[in-house]
Protein backbone atom coordinates (compact mmCIF):
# COMPACT_ATOMS: atom_id res chain seq x y z
CA UNK A 1 0.00 0.00 0.00
CA UNK A 2 1.10 3.54 -0.66
CA UNK A 3 2.21 5.71 2.25
CA UNK A 4 -0.68 8.16 1.77
CA UNK A 5 -3.22 5.32 1.73
CA UNK A 6 -1.83 3.86 4.95
CA UNK A 7 -1.88 7.26 6.59
CA UNK A 8 -5.48 7.92 5.52
CA UNK A 9 -6.62 4.51 6.76
CA UNK A 10 -4.91 4.99 10.12
CA UNK A 11 -6.42 8.45 10.46
CA UNK A 12 -9.81 6.98 9.62
CA UNK A 13 -9.47 4.57 12.55
CA UNK A 14 -8.15 7.30 14.83
CA UNK A 15 -10.92 9.79 14.02
CA UNK A 16 -13.91 7.45 14.13
CA UNK A 17 -14.94 8.69 17.62
CA UNK A 18 -14.55 12.33 16.56
CA UNK A 19 -17.39 11.96 14.04
CA UNK A 20 -19.54 9.96 16.45
CA UNK A 21 -18.70 6.44 15.24
CA UNK A 22 -17.82 3.80 17.80
CA UNK A 23 -16.69 0.96 15.54
CA UNK A 24 -15.95 0.27 11.89
CA UNK A 25 -19.38 -1.33 11.46
CA UNK A 26 -20.86 2.16 11.86
CA UNK A 27 -19.19 3.16 8.59
CA UNK A 28 -21.89 1.19 6.77
CA UNK A 29 -24.41 3.95 7.40
CA UNK A 30 -22.04 6.93 7.63
CA UNK A 31 -22.61 9.54 4.94
CA UNK A 32 -20.96 12.62 6.45
CA UNK A 33 -18.06 14.64 5.11
CA UNK A 34 -16.17 15.25 8.37
CA UNK A 35 -14.25 11.97 8.33
CA UNK A 36 -13.10 12.62 4.78
CA UNK A 37 -11.94 16.12 5.71
CA UNK A 38 -10.06 14.87 8.77
CA UNK A 39 -8.26 12.20 6.75
CA UNK A 40 -7.43 14.46 3.80
CA UNK A 41 -9.57 12.60 1.28
CA UNK A 42 -12.45 13.53 -0.99
CA UNK A 43 -14.68 10.94 0.70
CA UNK A 44 -14.39 8.65 3.69
CA UNK A 45 -13.31 5.04 3.38
CA UNK A 46 -16.15 2.54 3.63
CA UNK A 47 -16.63 -0.31 6.04
CA UNK A 48 -15.23 -3.05 3.79
CA UNK A 49 -12.09 -1.14 2.92
CA UNK A 50 -11.31 -0.39 6.57
CA UNK A 51 -12.05 -3.98 7.63
CA UNK A 52 -9.74 -5.28 4.88
CA UNK A 53 -7.04 -2.93 6.20
CA UNK A 54 -7.53 -4.21 9.77
CA UNK A 55 -7.27 -7.78 8.50
CA UNK A 56 -4.07 -6.88 6.66
CA UNK A 57 -2.66 -5.37 9.87
CA UNK A 58 -3.56 -8.51 11.83
CA UNK A 59 -1.91 -10.83 9.30
CA UNK A 60 1.19 -8.62 9.31
CA UNK A 61 1.39 -8.81 13.15
CA UNK A 62 1.35 -5.04 13.20
CA UNK A 63 -0.49 -4.60 16.50
CA UNK A 64 2.68 -4.25 18.59
CA UNK A 65 4.36 -1.92 16.12
CA UNK A 66 1.22 0.15 15.76
CA UNK A 67 0.87 0.43 19.54
CA UNK A 68 4.52 1.46 19.89
CA UNK A 69 4.16 4.07 17.13
CA UNK A 70 1.02 5.47 18.75
CA UNK A 71 2.80 5.65 22.10
CA UNK A 72 5.79 7.47 20.55
CA UNK A 73 3.48 9.90 18.75
CA UNK A 74 1.49 10.61 21.92
CA UNK A 75 4.67 11.09 23.94
CA UNK A 76 6.00 13.45 21.29
CA UNK A 77 2.81 15.52 21.53
CA UNK A 78 2.76 15.84 25.30
CA UNK A 79 6.40 15.74 26.37
CA UNK A 80 7.87 19.19 27.01
CA UNK A 81 10.68 20.05 24.61
CA UNK A 82 12.88 21.39 27.42
CA UNK A 83 13.11 17.95 29.02
CA UNK A 84 16.41 16.17 28.51
CA UNK A 85 16.14 13.11 26.21
CA UNK A 86 17.32 10.86 29.03
CA UNK A 87 14.36 11.75 31.24
CA UNK A 88 11.55 9.21 30.87
CA UNK A 89 8.15 10.48 29.92
CA UNK A 90 5.12 8.80 31.44
CA UNK A 91 1.90 9.30 29.52
CA UNK A 92 -1.29 7.42 30.20
CA UNK A 93 -3.80 7.08 27.40
Foldseek 3Di string as FASTA:
>chain_A
DDPLVVQLLVLLVVCCVVVPHDDLVVQQPDDDCVSCVSSVHPHHDGSVVSVVVVVVCVVVVCPVVVVVVVVVVVCVVPPDPPDDPVDDDDDDD
